[in-house]
C-alpha cells in the first residue's frame, strides 16, 4: 500500500509540473526602514532593489506618485530599472548611483512581495513583476523589460 501511495504522489507531482503548475516559493520578509522604504540586495552584491511606498519617502518622491520598485545593477555598466503601477522604465545614465550596500540579502530561491509587486531571486538574477505580468528581469549579463 505504501508503494502505491508513493507512486501516486510522484505521478501527481510530475503531472502538476508537466502542466505548468507553480509551487509557492519561500517568502522573503524585509523590514521597512524609518523612511518607509524597503531595500534588499542579491547575494552577488551587484543588484539592489528599493521599494518606495505610495506618496514616497521624506527625501524621495516617485515620478508617478508610487508605489515604486527600483533595482540598480552596479556591474558591468550601472543601470537602473523602475517599475510602477503604470510604467516600466530603464535608465542607463543614473545620476545618483548608490548600489549595493543593503543588509537584507535576497537569497536565491526565495520570493518577495509588497504592494503590487513580486520578485523572485535566482542565480541568474532577479525577476520583478506587477499583477498584470509587466515587469523586468535583471541579471549580471542582461536586462529584459517585459
N, C-alpha and C. Protein backbone atom coordinates (compact mmCIF):
# COMPACT_ATOMS: atom_id res chain seq x y z
N UNK A 1 0.82 -1.19 0.00
CA UNK A 1 0.00 0.00 0.00
C UNK A 1 0.87 1.26 0.00
N UNK A 2 1.94 1.27 0.82
CA UNK A 2 2.83 2.43 0.89
C UNK A 2 3.48 2.69 -0.47
N UNK A 3 3.89 1.65 -1.19
CA UNK A 3 4.49 1.79 -2.50
C UNK A 3 3.49 2.40 -3.49
N UNK A 4 2.22 1.98 -3.40
CA UNK A 4 1.18 2.51 -4.28
C UNK A 4 0.98 3.99 -4.02
N UNK A 5 0.91 4.41 -2.76
CA UNK A 5 0.73 5.83 -2.42
C UNK A 5 1.92 6.66 -2.87
N UNK A 6 3.12 6.15 -2.66
CA UNK A 6 4.32 6.87 -3.10
C UNK A 6 4.30 7.04 -4.61
N UNK A 7 3.92 6.01 -5.32
CA UNK A 7 3.84 6.07 -6.78
C UNK A 7 2.80 7.07 -7.24
N UNK A 8 1.64 7.08 -6.58
CA UNK A 8 0.58 8.03 -6.94
C UNK A 8 1.02 9.47 -6.66
N UNK A 9 1.68 9.69 -5.54
CA UNK A 9 2.16 11.02 -5.19
C UNK A 9 3.17 11.50 -6.24
N UNK A 10 4.11 10.66 -6.61
CA UNK A 10 5.11 11.03 -7.62
C UNK A 10 4.44 11.31 -8.95
N UNK A 11 3.47 10.49 -9.31
CA UNK A 11 2.75 10.66 -10.57
C UNK A 11 2.03 12.01 -10.60
N UNK A 12 1.32 12.34 -9.50
CA UNK A 12 0.58 13.60 -9.44
C UNK A 12 1.52 14.80 -9.49
N UNK A 13 2.65 14.70 -8.79
CA UNK A 13 3.64 15.77 -8.80
C UNK A 13 4.17 15.98 -10.21
N UNK A 14 4.51 14.90 -10.90
CA UNK A 14 5.04 15.02 -12.26
C UNK A 14 3.99 15.60 -13.20
N UNK A 15 2.72 15.23 -13.04
CA UNK A 15 1.66 15.80 -13.87
C UNK A 15 1.50 17.29 -13.60
N UNK A 16 1.58 17.69 -12.34
CA UNK A 16 1.47 19.10 -11.99
C UNK A 16 2.60 19.90 -12.63
N UNK A 17 3.82 19.38 -12.56
CA UNK A 17 4.97 20.06 -13.16
C UNK A 17 4.80 20.13 -14.68
N UNK A 18 4.38 19.03 -15.28
CA UNK A 18 4.22 18.99 -16.74
C UNK A 18 3.14 19.95 -17.21
N UNK A 19 2.15 20.22 -16.37
CA UNK A 19 1.07 21.13 -16.75
C UNK A 19 1.36 22.57 -16.35
N UNK A 20 2.56 22.84 -15.90
CA UNK A 20 2.97 24.21 -15.60
C UNK A 20 2.48 24.75 -14.27
N UNK A 21 2.07 23.90 -13.36
CA UNK A 21 1.65 24.38 -12.06
C UNK A 21 2.84 24.96 -11.32
N UNK A 22 2.65 26.12 -10.76
CA UNK A 22 3.72 26.75 -9.99
C UNK A 22 3.58 26.37 -8.52
N UNK A 23 4.69 26.18 -7.86
CA UNK A 23 4.69 25.90 -6.45
C UNK A 23 5.24 27.13 -5.74
N UNK A 24 4.60 27.51 -4.64
CA UNK A 24 4.97 28.72 -3.92
C UNK A 24 6.41 28.63 -3.42
N UNK A 25 7.12 29.74 -3.58
CA UNK A 25 8.47 29.81 -3.04
C UNK A 25 8.39 30.26 -1.60
N UNK A 26 9.47 30.03 -0.87
CA UNK A 26 9.56 30.54 0.48
C UNK A 26 9.60 32.06 0.41
N UNK A 27 8.75 32.74 1.18
CA UNK A 27 8.75 34.21 1.10
C UNK A 27 9.90 34.84 1.88
N UNK A 28 10.47 35.87 1.30
CA UNK A 28 11.47 36.67 2.00
C UNK A 28 10.74 37.85 2.63
N UNK A 29 11.09 38.19 3.84
CA UNK A 29 10.47 39.31 4.53
C UNK A 29 11.57 40.26 4.96
N UNK A 30 11.46 41.50 4.50
CA UNK A 30 12.45 42.51 4.85
C UNK A 30 11.73 43.68 5.52
N UNK A 31 12.25 44.19 6.62
CA UNK A 31 11.59 45.30 7.30
C UNK A 31 11.77 46.62 6.55
N UNK A 32 10.77 47.47 6.68
CA UNK A 32 10.87 48.81 6.12
C UNK A 32 11.76 49.65 7.02
N UNK A 33 12.51 50.54 6.41
CA UNK A 33 13.33 51.47 7.18
C UNK A 33 12.46 52.57 7.77
N UNK A 34 13.05 53.44 8.54
CA UNK A 34 12.32 54.54 9.18
C UNK A 34 11.63 55.43 8.15
N UNK A 35 12.18 55.47 6.92
CA UNK A 35 11.60 56.31 5.87
C UNK A 35 10.49 55.59 5.08
N UNK A 36 10.19 54.32 5.46
CA UNK A 36 9.14 53.57 4.79
C UNK A 36 9.63 52.73 3.62
N UNK A 37 10.87 52.92 3.20
CA UNK A 37 11.40 52.17 2.08
C UNK A 37 11.92 50.80 2.53
N UNK A 38 11.89 49.84 1.60
CA UNK A 38 12.41 48.50 1.84
C UNK A 38 13.54 48.27 0.84
N UNK A 39 14.70 47.86 1.33
CA UNK A 39 15.86 47.58 0.47
C UNK A 39 16.28 46.13 0.60
N UNK A 40 16.69 45.54 -0.52
CA UNK A 40 17.29 44.20 -0.48
C UNK A 40 18.30 44.08 -1.60
N UNK A 41 19.27 43.20 -1.39
CA UNK A 41 20.38 43.04 -2.34
C UNK A 41 20.50 41.56 -2.70
N UNK A 42 20.86 41.31 -3.94
CA UNK A 42 21.10 39.93 -4.38
C UNK A 42 22.39 39.42 -3.74
N UNK A 43 22.54 38.09 -3.60
CA UNK A 43 23.76 37.54 -2.97
C UNK A 43 25.06 38.00 -3.64
N UNK A 44 25.03 38.31 -4.93
CA UNK A 44 26.23 38.77 -5.64
C UNK A 44 26.67 40.16 -5.19
N UNK A 45 25.79 40.88 -4.52
CA UNK A 45 26.02 42.27 -4.07
C UNK A 45 26.24 43.21 -5.25
N UNK A 46 25.69 42.86 -6.42
CA UNK A 46 25.79 43.74 -7.59
C UNK A 46 24.43 44.23 -8.05
N UNK A 47 23.34 43.74 -7.44
CA UNK A 47 21.99 44.19 -7.76
C UNK A 47 21.29 44.48 -6.45
N UNK A 48 20.73 45.68 -6.35
CA UNK A 48 20.00 46.09 -5.15
C UNK A 48 18.66 46.68 -5.57
N UNK A 49 17.60 46.35 -4.84
CA UNK A 49 16.27 46.86 -5.13
C UNK A 49 15.74 47.66 -3.95
N UNK A 50 14.94 48.69 -4.28
CA UNK A 50 14.34 49.54 -3.27
C UNK A 50 12.85 49.69 -3.57
N UNK A 51 12.01 49.36 -2.59
CA UNK A 51 10.57 49.60 -2.68
C UNK A 51 10.28 50.91 -1.97
N UNK A 52 9.57 51.80 -2.66
CA UNK A 52 9.15 53.06 -2.08
C UNK A 52 7.62 53.07 -2.06
N UNK A 53 7.01 53.32 -0.89
CA UNK A 53 5.55 53.28 -0.81
C UNK A 53 4.87 54.44 -1.55
N UNK A 54 3.57 54.30 -1.77
CA UNK A 54 2.79 55.36 -2.40
C UNK A 54 3.00 56.64 -1.62
N UNK A 55 3.20 57.73 -2.33
CA UNK A 55 3.46 59.02 -1.69
C UNK A 55 4.93 59.30 -1.47
N UNK A 56 5.76 58.26 -1.52
CA UNK A 56 7.20 58.44 -1.42
C UNK A 56 7.74 58.41 0.00
N UNK A 57 8.96 58.85 0.11
CA UNK A 57 9.69 58.92 1.38
C UNK A 57 10.07 60.38 1.61
N UNK A 58 10.51 60.73 2.81
CA UNK A 58 10.85 62.14 3.08
C UNK A 58 11.83 62.75 2.09
N UNK A 59 12.79 61.98 1.58
CA UNK A 59 13.78 62.54 0.67
C UNK A 59 13.62 62.09 -0.78
N UNK A 60 12.56 61.32 -1.07
CA UNK A 60 12.37 60.84 -2.44
C UNK A 60 10.89 60.66 -2.75
N UNK A 61 10.45 61.19 -3.88
CA UNK A 61 9.08 61.06 -4.35
C UNK A 61 9.11 60.37 -5.71
N UNK A 62 8.42 59.22 -5.87
CA UNK A 62 8.37 58.54 -7.17
C UNK A 62 7.79 59.44 -8.25
N UNK A 63 8.26 59.26 -9.49
CA UNK A 63 7.86 60.15 -10.59
C UNK A 63 6.38 60.09 -10.91
N UNK A 64 5.67 59.00 -10.57
CA UNK A 64 4.23 58.98 -10.82
C UNK A 64 3.43 58.74 -9.54
N UNK A 65 4.01 59.11 -8.39
CA UNK A 65 3.31 59.04 -7.12
C UNK A 65 3.50 57.76 -6.32
N UNK A 66 3.96 56.71 -6.98
CA UNK A 66 4.23 55.45 -6.30
C UNK A 66 2.98 54.60 -6.14
N UNK A 67 3.16 53.44 -5.58
CA UNK A 67 4.41 52.87 -5.11
C UNK A 67 5.38 52.60 -6.26
N UNK A 68 6.62 52.33 -5.91
CA UNK A 68 7.65 52.15 -6.92
C UNK A 68 8.65 51.10 -6.44
N UNK A 69 9.11 50.30 -7.39
CA UNK A 69 10.19 49.36 -7.13
C UNK A 69 11.31 49.68 -8.12
N UNK A 70 12.46 50.03 -7.61
CA UNK A 70 13.60 50.29 -8.49
C UNK A 70 14.72 49.33 -8.14
N UNK A 71 15.39 48.82 -9.18
CA UNK A 71 16.53 47.93 -8.98
C UNK A 71 17.72 48.50 -9.75
N UNK A 72 18.86 48.53 -9.09
CA UNK A 72 20.11 49.02 -9.68
C UNK A 72 21.07 47.86 -9.84
N UNK A 73 21.80 47.88 -10.96
CA UNK A 73 22.88 46.92 -11.18
C UNK A 73 24.17 47.71 -11.29
N UNK A 74 25.18 47.34 -10.50
CA UNK A 74 26.42 48.11 -10.47
C UNK A 74 27.47 47.63 -11.45
N UNK A 75 27.35 46.43 -11.97
CA UNK A 75 28.35 45.89 -12.90
C UNK A 75 27.64 45.27 -14.08
N UNK A 76 28.08 45.19 -15.22
CA UNK A 76 29.29 45.74 -15.77
C UNK A 76 29.13 47.22 -16.06
N UNK A 77 27.92 47.66 -16.33
CA UNK A 77 27.60 49.07 -16.50
C UNK A 77 26.46 49.39 -15.54
N UNK A 78 26.53 50.54 -14.89
CA UNK A 78 25.49 50.91 -13.93
C UNK A 78 24.19 51.17 -14.67
N UNK A 79 23.12 50.47 -14.24
CA UNK A 79 21.81 50.58 -14.87
C UNK A 79 20.75 50.55 -13.77
N UNK A 80 19.65 51.28 -13.98
CA UNK A 80 18.51 51.25 -13.06
C UNK A 80 17.25 50.93 -13.86
N UNK A 81 16.39 50.07 -13.29
CA UNK A 81 15.08 49.79 -13.85
C UNK A 81 14.06 50.16 -12.78
N UNK A 82 13.01 50.89 -13.20
CA UNK A 82 11.98 51.34 -12.27
C UNK A 82 10.64 50.79 -12.72
N UNK A 83 9.95 50.14 -11.78
CA UNK A 83 8.63 49.56 -12.02
C UNK A 83 7.62 50.29 -11.14
N UNK A 84 6.56 50.79 -11.77
CA UNK A 84 5.48 51.45 -11.05
C UNK A 84 4.16 50.80 -11.51
N UNK A 85 3.04 51.17 -10.90
CA UNK A 85 1.77 50.61 -11.37
C UNK A 85 1.45 50.96 -12.82
N UNK A 86 2.10 51.98 -13.37
CA UNK A 86 1.81 52.43 -14.74
C UNK A 86 2.95 52.24 -15.73
N UNK A 87 4.18 52.09 -15.25
CA UNK A 87 5.34 52.12 -16.13
C UNK A 87 6.39 51.07 -15.77
N UNK A 88 7.21 50.74 -16.78
CA UNK A 88 8.46 50.01 -16.59
C UNK A 88 9.49 50.79 -17.39
N UNK A 89 10.50 51.32 -16.72
CA UNK A 89 11.50 52.15 -17.40
C UNK A 89 12.91 51.71 -17.06
N UNK A 90 13.77 51.85 -18.06
CA UNK A 90 15.20 51.55 -17.88
C UNK A 90 15.97 52.87 -18.00
N UNK A 91 16.91 53.07 -17.09
CA UNK A 91 17.75 54.26 -17.09
C UNK A 91 19.21 53.82 -17.19
N UNK A 92 19.87 54.23 -18.26
CA UNK A 92 21.28 53.88 -18.47
C UNK A 92 22.22 54.93 -17.91
N UNK A 93 21.76 56.15 -17.77
CA UNK A 93 22.59 57.24 -17.24
C UNK A 93 22.00 57.66 -15.89
N UNK A 94 22.45 57.00 -14.84
CA UNK A 94 21.91 57.23 -13.50
C UNK A 94 22.76 58.29 -12.81
N UNK A 95 22.09 59.35 -12.36
CA UNK A 95 22.80 60.46 -11.74
C UNK A 95 23.11 60.26 -10.27
N UNK A 96 22.47 59.27 -9.64
CA UNK A 96 22.68 59.05 -8.21
C UNK A 96 22.97 57.59 -7.89
N UNK A 97 24.03 57.01 -8.49
CA UNK A 97 24.32 55.60 -8.23
C UNK A 97 24.58 55.36 -6.74
N UNK A 98 23.90 54.33 -6.22
CA UNK A 98 24.04 54.06 -4.79
C UNK A 98 24.03 52.57 -4.47
N UNK A 99 24.19 51.75 -5.46
CA UNK A 99 24.11 50.30 -5.28
C UNK A 99 25.40 49.78 -4.68
N UNK A 100 25.55 48.94 -3.90
CA UNK A 100 24.73 47.84 -3.45
C UNK A 100 25.12 47.52 -2.03
N UNK A 101 24.64 48.28 -1.09
CA UNK A 101 25.08 48.12 0.28
C UNK A 101 24.02 47.69 1.27
N UNK A 102 22.86 47.25 0.79
CA UNK A 102 21.80 46.84 1.71
C UNK A 102 22.22 45.61 2.52
N UNK A 103 21.70 45.53 3.72
CA UNK A 103 21.99 44.40 4.59
C UNK A 103 21.06 43.21 4.33
N UNK A 104 19.89 43.47 3.75
CA UNK A 104 18.90 42.41 3.51
C UNK A 104 19.26 41.64 2.26
N UNK A 105 19.79 40.44 2.42
CA UNK A 105 20.19 39.62 1.27
C UNK A 105 19.00 38.79 0.81
N UNK A 106 18.66 38.93 -0.48
CA UNK A 106 17.55 38.22 -1.11
C UNK A 106 18.10 36.92 -1.68
N UNK A 107 18.10 35.88 -0.86
CA UNK A 107 18.74 34.60 -1.22
C UNK A 107 18.06 33.96 -2.43
N UNK A 108 18.85 33.26 -3.23
CA UNK A 108 18.33 32.55 -4.40
C UNK A 108 17.26 31.55 -3.96
N UNK A 109 16.20 31.45 -4.77
CA UNK A 109 15.12 30.52 -4.48
C UNK A 109 14.00 31.11 -3.65
N UNK A 110 14.16 32.36 -3.21
CA UNK A 110 13.13 33.00 -2.42
C UNK A 110 12.26 33.90 -3.28
N UNK A 111 11.07 34.20 -2.78
CA UNK A 111 10.17 35.15 -3.42
C UNK A 111 9.89 36.29 -2.45
N UNK A 112 9.56 37.46 -2.97
CA UNK A 112 9.25 38.63 -2.15
C UNK A 112 8.06 39.32 -2.77
N UNK A 113 7.18 39.86 -1.95
CA UNK A 113 6.09 40.67 -2.49
C UNK A 113 5.71 41.75 -1.50
N UNK A 114 5.35 42.88 -2.05
CA UNK A 114 4.90 44.01 -1.25
C UNK A 114 4.12 44.94 -2.17
N UNK A 115 2.96 45.37 -1.70
CA UNK A 115 2.11 46.20 -2.56
C UNK A 115 1.79 45.45 -3.83
N UNK A 116 1.88 46.12 -4.97
CA UNK A 116 1.52 45.47 -6.24
C UNK A 116 2.66 44.68 -6.89
N UNK A 117 3.80 44.55 -6.21
CA UNK A 117 4.99 43.96 -6.83
C UNK A 117 5.38 42.61 -6.22
N UNK A 118 5.91 41.72 -7.07
CA UNK A 118 6.50 40.47 -6.61
C UNK A 118 7.86 40.32 -7.29
N UNK A 119 8.78 39.71 -6.58
CA UNK A 119 10.11 39.44 -7.13
C UNK A 119 10.51 38.01 -6.79
N UNK A 120 11.28 37.40 -7.69
CA UNK A 120 11.84 36.07 -7.47
C UNK A 120 13.34 36.16 -7.66
N UNK A 121 14.07 35.56 -6.73
CA UNK A 121 15.53 35.57 -6.76
C UNK A 121 16.05 34.23 -7.28
N UNK A 122 16.96 34.28 -8.23
CA UNK A 122 17.59 33.08 -8.79
C UNK A 122 19.06 33.38 -9.04
N UNK A 123 19.84 32.35 -9.24
CA UNK A 123 21.26 32.53 -9.51
C UNK A 123 21.49 33.41 -10.73
N UNK A 124 20.59 33.35 -11.71
CA UNK A 124 20.72 34.14 -12.93
C UNK A 124 20.40 35.61 -12.72
N UNK A 125 19.62 35.94 -11.67
CA UNK A 125 19.24 37.33 -11.42
C UNK A 125 17.91 37.44 -10.72
N UNK A 126 17.31 38.61 -10.79
CA UNK A 126 16.04 38.87 -10.13
C UNK A 126 14.98 39.21 -11.18
N UNK A 127 13.78 38.66 -11.00
CA UNK A 127 12.64 38.94 -11.85
C UNK A 127 11.58 39.60 -10.98
N UNK A 128 11.12 40.78 -11.40
CA UNK A 128 10.10 41.51 -10.65
C UNK A 128 8.95 41.85 -11.58
N UNK A 129 7.72 41.73 -11.07
CA UNK A 129 6.53 41.95 -11.89
C UNK A 129 5.41 42.58 -11.07
N UNK A 130 4.46 43.14 -11.83
CA UNK A 130 3.18 43.57 -11.27
C UNK A 130 2.19 42.43 -11.51
N UNK A 131 0.98 42.56 -10.98
CA UNK A 131 -0.04 41.53 -11.15
C UNK A 131 -0.41 41.30 -12.61
N UNK A 132 -0.27 42.33 -13.46
CA UNK A 132 -0.62 42.18 -14.88
C UNK A 132 0.49 41.53 -15.70
N UNK A 133 1.59 41.13 -15.04
CA UNK A 133 2.69 40.46 -15.73
C UNK A 133 3.77 41.38 -16.25
N UNK A 134 3.55 42.68 -16.26
CA UNK A 134 4.57 43.63 -16.70
C UNK A 134 5.66 43.71 -15.65
N UNK A 135 6.89 43.79 -16.10
CA UNK A 135 8.00 43.86 -15.17
C UNK A 135 9.33 43.77 -15.87
N UNK A 136 10.30 43.11 -15.20
CA UNK A 136 11.63 43.04 -15.76
C UNK A 136 12.42 41.88 -15.16
N UNK A 137 13.46 41.51 -15.87
CA UNK A 137 14.50 40.60 -15.37
C UNK A 137 15.80 41.39 -15.38
N UNK A 138 16.56 41.30 -14.29
CA UNK A 138 17.87 41.94 -14.21
C UNK A 138 18.88 40.90 -13.75
N UNK A 139 19.87 40.66 -14.58
CA UNK A 139 20.94 39.73 -14.26
C UNK A 139 22.29 40.36 -14.51
N UNK A 140 23.33 39.60 -14.28
CA UNK A 140 24.69 40.11 -14.46
C UNK A 140 24.98 40.44 -15.92
N UNK A 141 24.38 39.71 -16.85
CA UNK A 141 24.70 39.90 -18.25
C UNK A 141 23.62 40.59 -19.07
N UNK A 142 22.37 40.57 -18.59
CA UNK A 142 21.32 41.20 -19.38
C UNK A 142 20.19 41.72 -18.51
N UNK A 143 19.43 42.60 -19.14
CA UNK A 143 18.23 43.19 -18.53
C UNK A 143 17.14 43.10 -19.59
N UNK A 144 15.99 42.57 -19.19
CA UNK A 144 14.87 42.45 -20.12
C UNK A 144 13.63 43.08 -19.50
N UNK A 145 13.05 44.04 -20.20
CA UNK A 145 11.77 44.61 -19.78
C UNK A 145 10.67 43.75 -20.37
N UNK A 146 9.67 43.44 -19.58
CA UNK A 146 8.59 42.57 -20.04
C UNK A 146 7.27 43.30 -20.06
